[in-house]
Amino acid sequence: MSAAGAVRVVVAEDEAIIRLDLVETLREQGFDVVADTGRGDEAVRLVAEHRPDVAILDVKMPGLDGIEAARRIAPQRGTAVVILTAFSQRELVEHAREAGAMTYLVKPYRRDALAPAVALALARYREMEALEGRIGDLEDRLEVRKIVDRAKGRLLDDHQMSEQDAYAFLQRTAMSQRRTMRDVAGDVLEARIAP
């Protein structure tokens, strides 16, 4: 979000009248429209340049369609995607979701539906990011646990230590050297340190 707290938006719609209406409506509703375009390829570039909170992409555009633009925007991280389409076909909606879209609006859109769609996309995106962060933390913790367990096994086999003593050695060494358990365990596995 911008310093003033307004949600930053890039709009990509090839029909100029609809694009102008979207931009005007968003601005009236307090959004900060940082850029707009009528091309999908240009939308991808503008998102990379401006790093908006939300990108609103029409499905049918020259350069790249909105689904492919969403697919290219999603890995850049930080931008929720709203797909704007004249079609509400289940298959199209599924393709949009798979490409990274958080929600969609069917044209002709109602002006009072625009802000809730943007808010929904942003909320879903933030929930997804939070879940991915938690999954990453759990994966890291599991990896550390595996390395520490392997190091304990090495200490058990090579130095006839009990499991409790091996863990205590790893913990003491990490604390006294102000290092992580993962690093100390790695040094034990590489035979760089021993009791």
N, C-alpha and C. Protein backbone atom coordinates (compact mmCIF):
# COMPACT_ATOMS: atom_id res chain seq x y z
N MET A 1 0.84 -1.19 0.00
CA MET A 1 0.00 0.00 0.00
C MET A 1 0.88 1.25 0.00
N SER A 2 0.33 2.30 -0.50
CA SER A 2 1.08 3.56 -0.56
C SER A 2 1.21 4.14 0.84
N ALA A 3 2.05 5.15 0.95
CA ALA A 3 2.29 5.79 2.25
C ALA A 3 0.99 6.28 2.87
N ALA A 4 0.08 6.77 2.04
CA ALA A 4 -1.19 7.28 2.54
C ALA A 4 -2.15 6.15 2.90
N GLY A 5 -1.78 4.92 2.59
CA GLY A 5 -2.61 3.77 2.92
C GLY A 5 -3.57 3.35 1.84
N ALA A 6 -3.62 4.06 0.72
CA ALA A 6 -4.53 3.68 -0.36
C ALA A 6 -3.98 2.46 -1.08
N VAL A 7 -4.87 1.57 -1.44
CA VAL A 7 -4.50 0.37 -2.21
C VAL A 7 -4.08 0.82 -3.61
N ARG A 8 -2.90 0.37 -4.04
CA ARG A 8 -2.35 0.74 -5.35
C ARG A 8 -2.81 -0.28 -6.40
N VAL A 9 -3.28 0.22 -7.55
CA VAL A 9 -3.90 -0.64 -8.57
C VAL A 9 -3.33 -0.33 -9.95
N VAL A 10 -3.12 -1.41 -10.73
CA VAL A 10 -2.86 -1.29 -12.17
C VAL A 10 -4.08 -1.86 -12.87
N VAL A 11 -4.59 -1.14 -13.87
CA VAL A 11 -5.77 -1.56 -14.63
C VAL A 11 -5.34 -1.90 -16.05
N ALA A 12 -5.76 -3.07 -16.54
CA ALA A 12 -5.48 -3.48 -17.92
C ALA A 12 -6.80 -3.91 -18.56
N GLU A 13 -7.28 -3.08 -19.48
CA GLU A 13 -8.56 -3.32 -20.18
C GLU A 13 -8.41 -2.70 -21.56
N ASP A 14 -8.65 -3.50 -22.62
CA ASP A 14 -8.39 -3.00 -23.97
C ASP A 14 -9.47 -2.05 -24.49
N GLU A 15 -10.67 -2.09 -23.92
CA GLU A 15 -11.72 -1.16 -24.34
C GLU A 15 -11.54 0.14 -23.56
N ALA A 16 -11.16 1.21 -24.28
CA ALA A 16 -10.79 2.47 -23.64
C ALA A 16 -11.88 3.04 -22.75
N ILE A 17 -13.13 2.97 -23.19
CA ILE A 17 -14.24 3.53 -22.39
C ILE A 17 -14.36 2.79 -21.06
N ILE A 18 -14.29 1.47 -21.11
CA ILE A 18 -14.39 0.67 -19.88
C ILE A 18 -13.18 0.95 -18.99
N ARG A 19 -11.98 1.02 -19.59
CA ARG A 19 -10.77 1.30 -18.82
C ARG A 19 -10.87 2.64 -18.10
N LEU A 20 -11.31 3.67 -18.82
CA LEU A 20 -11.45 5.00 -18.20
C LEU A 20 -12.47 4.97 -17.06
N ASP A 21 -13.56 4.24 -17.26
CA ASP A 21 -14.58 4.13 -16.22
C ASP A 21 -14.03 3.40 -14.99
N LEU A 22 -13.27 2.33 -15.23
CA LEU A 22 -12.65 1.59 -14.13
C LEU A 22 -11.73 2.50 -13.32
N VAL A 23 -10.86 3.21 -14.04
CA VAL A 23 -9.91 4.11 -13.38
C VAL A 23 -10.64 5.17 -12.57
N GLU A 24 -11.64 5.80 -13.17
CA GLU A 24 -12.40 6.84 -12.49
C GLU A 24 -13.12 6.28 -11.26
N THR A 25 -13.77 5.14 -11.43
CA THR A 25 -14.50 4.52 -10.31
C THR A 25 -13.56 4.17 -9.17
N LEU A 26 -12.43 3.57 -9.51
CA LEU A 26 -11.46 3.19 -8.47
C LEU A 26 -10.96 4.42 -7.72
N ARG A 27 -10.64 5.47 -8.45
CA ARG A 27 -10.16 6.70 -7.81
C ARG A 27 -11.23 7.32 -6.91
N GLU A 28 -12.49 7.31 -7.40
CA GLU A 28 -13.60 7.84 -6.59
C GLU A 28 -13.76 7.04 -5.30
N GLN A 29 -13.43 5.75 -5.35
CA GLN A 29 -13.59 4.89 -4.19
C GLN A 29 -12.34 4.85 -3.31
N GLY A 30 -11.36 5.73 -3.61
CA GLY A 30 -10.20 5.87 -2.74
C GLY A 30 -8.99 5.04 -3.11
N PHE A 31 -9.03 4.38 -4.25
CA PHE A 31 -7.88 3.59 -4.67
C PHE A 31 -6.88 4.47 -5.40
N ASP A 32 -5.62 4.10 -5.38
CA ASP A 32 -4.55 4.82 -6.06
C ASP A 32 -4.21 4.05 -7.34
N VAL A 33 -4.77 4.49 -8.47
CA VAL A 33 -4.49 3.84 -9.75
C VAL A 33 -3.14 4.36 -10.23
N VAL A 34 -2.12 3.49 -10.19
CA VAL A 34 -0.76 3.91 -10.51
C VAL A 34 -0.45 3.81 -11.99
N ALA A 35 -1.23 3.01 -12.73
CA ALA A 35 -1.03 2.88 -14.18
C ALA A 35 -2.21 2.16 -14.80
N ASP A 36 -2.41 2.41 -16.11
CA ASP A 36 -3.44 1.67 -16.84
C ASP A 36 -2.96 1.46 -18.27
N THR A 37 -3.49 0.40 -18.89
CA THR A 37 -3.07 0.03 -20.23
C THR A 37 -4.18 -0.75 -20.91
N GLY A 38 -4.05 -0.92 -22.22
CA GLY A 38 -5.00 -1.72 -22.98
C GLY A 38 -4.39 -3.02 -23.47
N ARG A 39 -3.16 -3.33 -23.01
CA ARG A 39 -2.44 -4.53 -23.48
C ARG A 39 -2.01 -5.40 -22.31
N GLY A 40 -2.11 -6.70 -22.51
CA GLY A 40 -1.69 -7.65 -21.47
C GLY A 40 -0.20 -7.66 -21.22
N ASP A 41 0.60 -7.61 -22.30
CA ASP A 41 2.06 -7.62 -22.12
C ASP A 41 2.52 -6.36 -21.39
N GLU A 42 1.88 -5.24 -21.70
CA GLU A 42 2.20 -3.98 -21.03
C GLU A 42 1.78 -4.04 -19.56
N ALA A 43 0.68 -4.74 -19.25
CA ALA A 43 0.24 -4.89 -17.86
C ALA A 43 1.30 -5.62 -17.04
N VAL A 44 1.89 -6.67 -17.61
CA VAL A 44 2.94 -7.41 -16.90
C VAL A 44 4.11 -6.48 -16.60
N ARG A 45 4.50 -5.67 -17.58
CA ARG A 45 5.61 -4.72 -17.39
C ARG A 45 5.26 -3.67 -16.33
N LEU A 46 4.04 -3.14 -16.38
CA LEU A 46 3.62 -2.12 -15.43
C LEU A 46 3.57 -2.67 -13.99
N VAL A 47 3.13 -3.89 -13.84
CA VAL A 47 3.10 -4.51 -12.51
C VAL A 47 4.52 -4.66 -11.98
N ALA A 48 5.45 -5.10 -12.83
CA ALA A 48 6.84 -5.24 -12.40
C ALA A 48 7.43 -3.88 -12.03
N GLU A 49 7.06 -2.86 -12.76
CA GLU A 49 7.59 -1.51 -12.52
C GLU A 49 6.99 -0.85 -11.27
N HIS A 50 5.67 -0.93 -11.11
CA HIS A 50 4.98 -0.19 -10.04
C HIS A 50 4.72 -1.00 -8.78
N ARG A 51 4.80 -2.32 -8.86
CA ARG A 51 4.54 -3.20 -7.70
C ARG A 51 3.23 -2.84 -6.98
N PRO A 52 2.11 -2.85 -7.72
CA PRO A 52 0.82 -2.49 -7.09
C PRO A 52 0.34 -3.58 -6.15
N ASP A 53 -0.63 -3.24 -5.33
CA ASP A 53 -1.26 -4.23 -4.46
C ASP A 53 -2.19 -5.14 -5.26
N VAL A 54 -2.84 -4.56 -6.29
CA VAL A 54 -3.83 -5.28 -7.09
C VAL A 54 -3.65 -4.94 -8.56
N ALA A 55 -3.84 -5.96 -9.42
CA ALA A 55 -3.89 -5.75 -10.87
C ALA A 55 -5.27 -6.23 -11.34
N ILE A 56 -5.98 -5.38 -12.06
CA ILE A 56 -7.27 -5.76 -12.64
C ILE A 56 -7.00 -6.00 -14.12
N LEU A 57 -7.25 -7.24 -14.57
CA LEU A 57 -6.91 -7.64 -15.92
C LEU A 57 -8.13 -8.13 -16.68
N ASP A 58 -8.37 -7.55 -17.85
CA ASP A 58 -9.42 -8.06 -18.73
C ASP A 58 -8.92 -9.36 -19.34
N VAL A 59 -9.82 -10.28 -19.63
CA VAL A 59 -9.42 -11.55 -20.22
C VAL A 59 -8.93 -11.35 -21.65
N LYS A 60 -9.70 -10.66 -22.46
CA LYS A 60 -9.37 -10.50 -23.89
C LYS A 60 -8.64 -9.19 -24.10
N MET A 61 -7.32 -9.30 -24.38
CA MET A 61 -6.51 -8.11 -24.66
C MET A 61 -5.45 -8.47 -25.70
N PRO A 62 -4.99 -7.49 -26.46
CA PRO A 62 -3.88 -7.75 -27.37
C PRO A 62 -2.57 -7.88 -26.57
N GLY A 63 -1.58 -8.47 -27.20
CA GLY A 63 -0.29 -8.66 -26.54
C GLY A 63 -0.27 -9.96 -25.76
N LEU A 64 -1.04 -10.02 -24.71
CA LEU A 64 -1.25 -11.23 -23.90
C LEU A 64 -2.67 -11.17 -23.39
N ASP A 65 -3.33 -12.32 -23.30
CA ASP A 65 -4.66 -12.27 -22.68
C ASP A 65 -4.49 -12.15 -21.16
N GLY A 66 -5.56 -11.84 -20.49
CA GLY A 66 -5.50 -11.60 -19.05
C GLY A 66 -5.08 -12.81 -18.25
N ILE A 67 -5.44 -14.01 -18.71
CA ILE A 67 -5.06 -15.24 -17.99
C ILE A 67 -3.54 -15.42 -18.05
N GLU A 68 -2.97 -15.26 -19.24
CA GLU A 68 -1.51 -15.41 -19.38
C GLU A 68 -0.80 -14.28 -18.64
N ALA A 69 -1.33 -13.08 -18.67
CA ALA A 69 -0.73 -11.97 -17.91
C ALA A 69 -0.75 -12.31 -16.42
N ALA A 70 -1.86 -12.84 -15.92
CA ALA A 70 -1.95 -13.23 -14.51
C ALA A 70 -0.91 -14.29 -14.19
N ARG A 71 -0.75 -15.25 -15.08
CA ARG A 71 0.23 -16.32 -14.89
C ARG A 71 1.64 -15.74 -14.76
N ARG A 72 1.93 -14.70 -15.49
CA ARG A 72 3.27 -14.08 -15.44
C ARG A 72 3.42 -13.13 -14.26
N ILE A 73 2.33 -12.55 -13.81
CA ILE A 73 2.37 -11.63 -12.67
C ILE A 73 2.49 -12.40 -11.35
N ALA A 74 1.81 -13.52 -11.24
CA ALA A 74 1.76 -14.28 -9.98
C ALA A 74 3.14 -14.57 -9.38
N PRO A 75 4.13 -15.03 -10.15
CA PRO A 75 5.43 -15.33 -9.55
C PRO A 75 6.19 -14.09 -9.05
N GLN A 76 5.81 -12.90 -9.50
CA GLN A 76 6.50 -11.68 -9.08
C GLN A 76 6.24 -11.37 -7.61
N ARG A 77 5.20 -11.94 -7.04
CA ARG A 77 4.81 -11.77 -5.64
C ARG A 77 4.38 -10.34 -5.32
N GLY A 78 3.45 -10.22 -4.42
CA GLY A 78 3.03 -8.93 -3.91
C GLY A 78 1.82 -8.31 -4.56
N THR A 79 1.32 -8.91 -5.66
CA THR A 79 0.18 -8.32 -6.37
C THR A 79 -0.96 -9.32 -6.49
N ALA A 80 -2.12 -8.94 -5.96
CA ALA A 80 -3.32 -9.76 -6.11
C ALA A 80 -3.93 -9.45 -7.48
N VAL A 81 -4.50 -10.47 -8.12
CA VAL A 81 -5.07 -10.29 -9.46
C VAL A 81 -6.59 -10.46 -9.43
N VAL A 82 -7.27 -9.49 -10.08
CA VAL A 82 -8.71 -9.58 -10.32
C VAL A 82 -8.88 -9.71 -11.83
N ILE A 83 -9.59 -10.74 -12.26
CA ILE A 83 -9.86 -10.94 -13.69
C ILE A 83 -11.20 -10.30 -14.02
N LEU A 84 -11.22 -9.54 -15.11
CA LEU A 84 -12.43 -8.89 -15.60
C LEU A 84 -12.82 -9.57 -16.90
N THR A 85 -14.02 -10.11 -16.97
CA THR A 85 -14.41 -10.88 -18.14
C THR A 85 -15.86 -10.66 -18.51
N ALA A 86 -16.15 -10.82 -19.80
CA ALA A 86 -17.53 -10.75 -20.25
C ALA A 86 -18.20 -12.13 -20.13
N PHE A 87 -17.42 -13.12 -19.75
CA PHE A 87 -17.90 -14.50 -19.66
C PHE A 87 -17.78 -15.00 -18.23
N SER A 88 -18.77 -15.75 -17.79
CA SER A 88 -18.68 -16.34 -16.44
C SER A 88 -18.65 -17.86 -16.54
N GLN A 89 -18.02 -18.36 -17.59
CA GLN A 89 -17.93 -19.80 -17.78
C GLN A 89 -17.05 -20.43 -16.72
N ARG A 90 -17.46 -21.58 -16.21
CA ARG A 90 -16.73 -22.27 -15.15
C ARG A 90 -15.29 -22.57 -15.57
N GLU A 91 -15.09 -23.01 -16.81
CA GLU A 91 -13.75 -23.37 -17.28
C GLU A 91 -12.83 -22.14 -17.28
N LEU A 92 -13.34 -21.02 -17.74
CA LEU A 92 -12.56 -19.78 -17.77
C LEU A 92 -12.19 -19.35 -16.35
N VAL A 93 -13.15 -19.41 -15.44
CA VAL A 93 -12.90 -19.05 -14.05
C VAL A 93 -11.84 -19.97 -13.45
N GLU A 94 -11.90 -21.26 -13.77
CA GLU A 94 -10.90 -22.22 -13.27
C GLU A 94 -9.52 -21.89 -13.81
N HIS A 95 -9.43 -21.57 -15.10
CA HIS A 95 -8.13 -21.19 -15.69
C HIS A 95 -7.59 -19.92 -15.02
N ALA A 96 -8.45 -18.98 -14.74
CA ALA A 96 -8.04 -17.74 -14.07
C ALA A 96 -7.50 -18.04 -12.67
N ARG A 97 -8.19 -18.91 -11.95
CA ARG A 97 -7.75 -19.28 -10.60
C ARG A 97 -6.40 -19.97 -10.66
N GLU A 98 -6.24 -20.92 -11.59
CA GLU A 98 -4.96 -21.63 -11.74
C GLU A 98 -3.83 -20.68 -12.11
N ALA A 99 -4.15 -19.59 -12.81
CA ALA A 99 -3.14 -18.61 -13.22
C ALA A 99 -2.78 -17.66 -12.07
N GLY A 100 -3.52 -17.71 -10.98
CA GLY A 100 -3.20 -16.88 -9.83
C GLY A 100 -4.21 -15.80 -9.50
N ALA A 101 -5.33 -15.75 -10.23
CA ALA A 101 -6.36 -14.75 -9.94
C ALA A 101 -7.03 -15.08 -8.61
N MET A 102 -7.31 -14.05 -7.82
CA MET A 102 -7.94 -14.23 -6.52
C MET A 102 -9.46 -14.12 -6.61
N THR A 103 -9.95 -13.39 -7.62
CA THR A 103 -11.40 -13.26 -7.83
C THR A 103 -11.62 -12.74 -9.25
N TYR A 104 -12.89 -12.65 -9.64
CA TYR A 104 -13.19 -12.12 -10.97
C TYR A 104 -14.46 -11.29 -10.92
N LEU A 105 -14.58 -10.42 -11.90
CA LEU A 105 -15.77 -9.59 -12.09
C LEU A 105 -16.29 -9.84 -13.49
N VAL A 106 -17.60 -9.97 -13.64
CA VAL A 106 -18.21 -10.16 -14.95
C VAL A 106 -18.66 -8.81 -15.49
N LYS A 107 -18.30 -8.54 -16.76
CA LYS A 107 -18.74 -7.31 -17.43
C LYS A 107 -20.13 -7.53 -18.01
N PRO A 108 -20.96 -6.52 -18.04
CA PRO A 108 -20.70 -5.19 -17.48
C PRO A 108 -20.73 -5.26 -15.96
N TYR A 109 -19.67 -4.75 -15.34
CA TYR A 109 -19.57 -4.80 -13.89
C TYR A 109 -20.41 -3.69 -13.27
N ARG A 110 -20.86 -3.93 -12.06
CA ARG A 110 -21.57 -2.89 -11.31
C ARG A 110 -20.53 -2.10 -10.54
N ARG A 111 -20.64 -0.79 -10.58
CA ARG A 111 -19.66 0.07 -9.89
C ARG A 111 -19.56 -0.27 -8.41
N ASP A 112 -20.70 -0.61 -7.78
CA ASP A 112 -20.66 -0.91 -6.34
C ASP A 112 -20.05 -2.29 -6.05
N ALA A 113 -19.80 -3.09 -7.08
CA ALA A 113 -19.17 -4.40 -6.89
C ALA A 113 -17.66 -4.34 -7.04
N LEU A 114 -17.14 -3.23 -7.57
CA LEU A 114 -15.72 -3.12 -7.85
C LEU A 114 -14.87 -3.11 -6.57
N ALA A 115 -15.16 -2.23 -5.65
CA ALA A 115 -14.37 -2.15 -4.40
C ALA A 115 -14.41 -3.45 -3.62
N PRO A 116 -15.59 -4.10 -3.46
CA PRO A 116 -15.59 -5.38 -2.74
C PRO A 116 -14.76 -6.46 -3.46
N ALA A 117 -14.76 -6.46 -4.79
CA ALA A 117 -13.96 -7.44 -5.53
C ALA A 117 -12.47 -7.21 -5.29
N VAL A 118 -12.06 -5.96 -5.30
CA VAL A 118 -10.65 -5.62 -5.04
C VAL A 118 -10.29 -6.00 -3.60
N ALA A 119 -11.15 -5.67 -2.65
CA ALA A 119 -10.90 -6.00 -1.24
C ALA A 119 -10.83 -7.52 -1.04
N LEU A 120 -11.72 -8.26 -1.70
CA LEU A 120 -11.72 -9.71 -1.60
C LEU A 120 -10.43 -10.29 -2.17
N ALA A 121 -10.02 -9.82 -3.33
CA ALA A 121 -8.77 -10.31 -3.94
C ALA A 121 -7.59 -10.05 -3.02
N LEU A 122 -7.53 -8.87 -2.46
CA LEU A 122 -6.43 -8.51 -1.58
C LEU A 122 -6.44 -9.37 -0.32
N ALA A 123 -7.60 -9.57 0.27
CA ALA A 123 -7.70 -10.39 1.49
C ALA A 123 -7.31 -11.84 1.20
N ARG A 124 -7.80 -12.39 0.09
CA ARG A 124 -7.43 -13.77 -0.27
C ARG A 124 -5.94 -13.89 -0.52
N TYR A 125 -5.37 -12.90 -1.18
CA TYR A 125 -3.95 -12.93 -1.49
C TYR A 125 -3.12 -12.90 -0.21
N ARG A 126 -3.50 -12.03 0.71
CA ARG A 126 -2.75 -11.93 1.97
C ARG A 126 -2.87 -13.21 2.80
N GLU A 127 -4.06 -13.83 2.78
CA GLU A 127 -4.23 -15.11 3.47
C GLU A 127 -3.32 -16.17 2.86
N MET A 128 -3.27 -16.20 1.53
CA MET A 128 -2.43 -17.16 0.84
C MET A 128 -0.95 -16.94 1.18
N GLU A 129 -0.52 -15.68 1.17
CA GLU A 129 0.88 -15.37 1.52
C GLU A 129 1.19 -15.81 2.95
N ALA A 130 0.27 -15.56 3.88
CA ALA A 130 0.49 -15.95 5.28
C ALA A 130 0.60 -17.46 5.40
N LEU A 131 -0.26 -18.19 4.69
CA LEU A 131 -0.19 -19.66 4.72
C LEU A 131 1.12 -20.16 4.12
N GLU A 132 1.55 -19.56 3.02
CA GLU A 132 2.81 -19.96 2.41
C GLU A 132 3.97 -19.69 3.35
N GLY A 133 3.90 -18.58 4.08
CA GLY A 133 4.95 -18.26 5.05
C GLY A 133 4.99 -19.29 6.17
N ARG A 134 3.82 -19.68 6.66
CA ARG A 134 3.77 -20.69 7.72
C ARG A 134 4.27 -22.04 7.21
N ILE A 135 3.91 -22.39 5.99
CA ILE A 135 4.39 -23.65 5.41
C ILE A 135 5.91 -23.61 5.28
N GLY A 136 6.45 -22.47 4.83
CA GLY A 136 7.90 -22.33 4.71
C GLY A 136 8.58 -22.47 6.05
N ASP A 137 8.00 -21.87 7.11
CA ASP A 137 8.57 -21.99 8.45
C ASP A 137 8.57 -23.45 8.91
N LEU A 138 7.47 -24.14 8.68
CA LEU A 138 7.39 -25.54 9.08
C LEU A 138 8.38 -26.41 8.31
N GLU A 139 8.53 -26.13 7.02
CA GLU A 139 9.51 -26.88 6.23
C GLU A 139 10.92 -26.64 6.74
N ASP A 140 11.24 -25.39 7.08
CA ASP A 140 12.56 -25.06 7.63
C ASP A 140 12.79 -25.79 8.95
N ARG A 141 11.78 -25.77 9.82
CA ARG A 141 11.93 -26.44 11.11
C ARG A 141 12.10 -27.95 10.93
N LEU A 142 11.38 -28.52 9.99
CA LEU A 142 11.52 -29.95 9.73
C LEU A 142 12.92 -30.27 9.21
N GLU A 143 13.44 -29.43 8.33
CA GLU A 143 14.78 -29.63 7.79
C GLU A 143 15.83 -29.54 8.90
N VAL A 144 15.69 -28.56 9.80
CA VAL A 144 16.62 -28.43 10.93
C VAL A 144 16.55 -29.67 11.80
N ARG A 145 15.34 -30.13 12.04
CA ARG A 145 15.17 -31.32 12.88
C ARG A 145 15.85 -32.54 12.26
N LYS A 146 15.73 -32.70 10.94
CA LYS A 146 16.38 -33.82 10.26
C LYS A 146 17.89 -33.75 10.40
N ILE A 147 18.46 -32.55 10.21
CA ILE A 147 19.92 -32.38 10.30
C ILE A 147 20.39 -32.64 11.73
N VAL A 148 19.66 -32.11 12.71
CA VAL A 148 20.02 -32.33 14.11
C VAL A 148 19.93 -33.81 14.46
N ASP A 149 18.89 -34.49 13.98
CA ASP A 149 18.75 -35.93 14.24
C ASP A 149 19.89 -36.72 13.62
N ARG A 150 20.30 -36.34 12.40
CA ARG A 150 21.43 -37.03 11.77
C ARG A 150 22.72 -36.79 12.54
N ALA A 151 22.91 -35.56 13.03
CA ALA A 151 24.10 -35.24 13.81
C ALA A 151 24.10 -36.01 15.14
N LYS A 152 22.92 -36.10 15.77
CA LYS A 152 22.83 -36.89 17.00
C LYS A 152 23.21 -38.34 16.72
N GLY A 153 22.73 -38.88 15.60
CA GLY A 153 23.08 -40.25 15.21
C GLY A 153 24.57 -40.43 15.03
N ARG A 154 25.21 -39.44 14.41
CA ARG A 154 26.68 -39.49 14.22
C ARG A 154 27.39 -39.51 15.57
N LEU A 155 26.92 -38.65 16.51
CA LEU A 155 27.53 -38.60 17.84
C LEU A 155 27.30 -39.91 18.60
N LEU A 156 26.12 -40.50 18.43
CA LEU A 156 25.84 -41.81 19.06
C LEU A 156 26.79 -42.88 18.53
N ASP A 157 26.93 -42.93 17.20
CA ASP A 157 27.76 -43.97 16.58
C ASP A 157 29.26 -43.76 16.80
N ASP A 158 29.73 -42.52 16.58
CA ASP A 158 31.17 -42.26 16.61
C ASP A 158 31.73 -42.01 18.01
N HIS A 159 30.89 -41.53 18.93
CA HIS A 159 31.40 -41.13 20.25
C HIS A 159 30.65 -41.82 21.39
N GLN A 160 29.84 -42.81 21.07
CA GLN A 160 29.11 -43.60 22.05
C GLN A 160 28.39 -42.73 23.09
N MET A 161 27.80 -41.65 22.61
CA MET A 161 27.03 -40.78 23.48
C MET A 161 25.59 -41.25 23.53
N SER A 162 24.88 -40.92 24.62
CA SER A 162 23.45 -41.18 24.65
C SER A 162 22.77 -40.13 23.79
N GLU A 163 21.52 -40.37 23.43
CA GLU A 163 20.79 -39.40 22.62
C GLU A 163 20.66 -38.07 23.37
N GLN A 164 20.40 -38.15 24.68
CA GLN A 164 20.25 -36.95 25.49
C GLN A 164 21.57 -36.18 25.54
N ASP A 165 22.68 -36.88 25.72
CA ASP A 165 23.99 -36.21 25.78
C ASP A 165 24.36 -35.60 24.43
N ALA A 166 24.02 -36.31 23.34
CA ALA A 166 24.32 -35.80 22.00
C ALA A 166 23.56 -34.50 21.75
N TYR A 167 22.28 -34.49 22.13
CA TYR A 167 21.48 -33.27 21.95
C TYR A 167 22.03 -32.15 22.83
N ALA A 168 22.38 -32.46 24.06
CA ALA A 168 22.93 -31.45 24.98
C ALA A 168 24.24 -30.89 24.42
N PHE A 169 25.07 -31.74 23.80
CA PHE A 169 26.32 -31.26 23.20
C PHE A 169 26.03 -30.27 22.07
N LEU A 170 25.09 -30.63 21.19
CA LEU A 170 24.73 -29.75 20.08
C LEU A 170 24.21 -28.41 20.60
N GLN A 171 23.35 -28.48 21.60
CA GLN A 171 22.74 -27.28 22.15
C GLN A 171 23.77 -26.39 22.84
N ARG A 172 24.64 -27.01 23.67
CA ARG A 172 25.68 -26.23 24.37
C ARG A 172 26.63 -25.57 23.38
N THR A 173 27.04 -26.34 22.37
CA THR A 173 27.97 -25.81 21.38
C THR A 173 27.35 -24.64 20.63
N ALA A 174 26.09 -24.78 20.24
CA ALA A 174 25.40 -23.70 19.53
C ALA A 174 25.33 -22.45 20.40
N MET A 175 24.99 -22.63 21.67
CA MET A 175 24.87 -21.48 22.57
C MET A 175 26.23 -20.83 22.84
N SER A 176 27.26 -21.64 23.11
CA SER A 176 28.57 -21.07 23.45
C SER A 176 29.22 -20.39 22.25
N GLN A 177 28.95 -20.90 21.04
CA GLN A 177 29.53 -20.30 19.84
C GLN A 177 28.60 -19.29 19.18
N ARG A 178 27.43 -19.11 19.78
CA ARG A 178 26.41 -18.18 19.24
C ARG A 178 26.10 -18.51 17.78
N ARG A 179 25.80 -19.77 17.55
CA ARG A 179 25.47 -20.26 16.22
C ARG A 179 24.15 -21.00 16.30
N THR A 180 23.61 -21.34 15.16
CA THR A 180 22.35 -22.10 15.15
C THR A 180 22.63 -23.58 15.33
N MET A 181 21.62 -24.28 15.83
CA MET A 181 21.72 -25.74 15.96
C MET A 181 21.97 -26.36 14.59
N ARG A 182 21.36 -25.81 13.57
CA ARG A 182 21.54 -26.33 12.21
C ARG A 182 23.01 -26.27 11.79
N ASP A 183 23.66 -25.12 12.05
CA ASP A 183 25.06 -24.96 11.66
C ASP A 183 25.97 -25.91 12.44
N VAL A 184 25.73 -26.02 13.74
CA VAL A 184 26.54 -26.92 14.57
C VAL A 184 26.33 -28.37 14.12
N ALA A 185 25.09 -28.74 13.87
CA ALA A 185 24.80 -30.10 13.40
C ALA A 185 25.50 -30.37 12.07
N GLY A 186 25.48 -29.38 11.19
CA GLY A 186 26.18 -29.53 9.90
C GLY A 186 27.67 -29.74 10.09
N ASP A 187 28.28 -29.02 11.06
CA ASP A 187 29.71 -29.20 11.34
C ASP A 187 29.99 -30.59 11.92
N VAL A 188 29.09 -31.11 12.74
CA VAL A 188 29.25 -32.47 13.28
C VAL A 188 29.20 -33.47 12.12
N LEU A 189 28.24 -33.29 11.22
CA LEU A 189 28.10 -34.21 10.08
C LEU A 189 29.32 -34.15 9.16
N GLU A 190 29.95 -32.97 9.05
CA GLU A 190 31.13 -32.80 8.21
C GLU A 190 32.41 -33.10 8.98
N ALA A 191 32.29 -33.54 10.22
CA ALA A 191 33.41 -33.89 11.10
C ALA A 191 34.34 -32.69 11.36
N ARG A 192 33.77 -31.49 11.38
CA ARG A 192 34.56 -30.30 11.69
C ARG A 192 34.62 -30.04 13.20
N ILE A 193 33.62 -30.56 13.94
CA ILE A 193 33.66 -30.47 15.39
C ILE A 193 33.23 -31.81 15.98
N ALA A 194 33.74 -32.07 17.19
CA ALA A 194 33.39 -33.30 17.89
C ALA A 194 33.53 -33.02 19.37
N PRO A 195 32.89 -33.84 20.22
CA PRO A 195 32.99 -33.64 21.67
C PRO A 195 34.40 -33.95 22.18
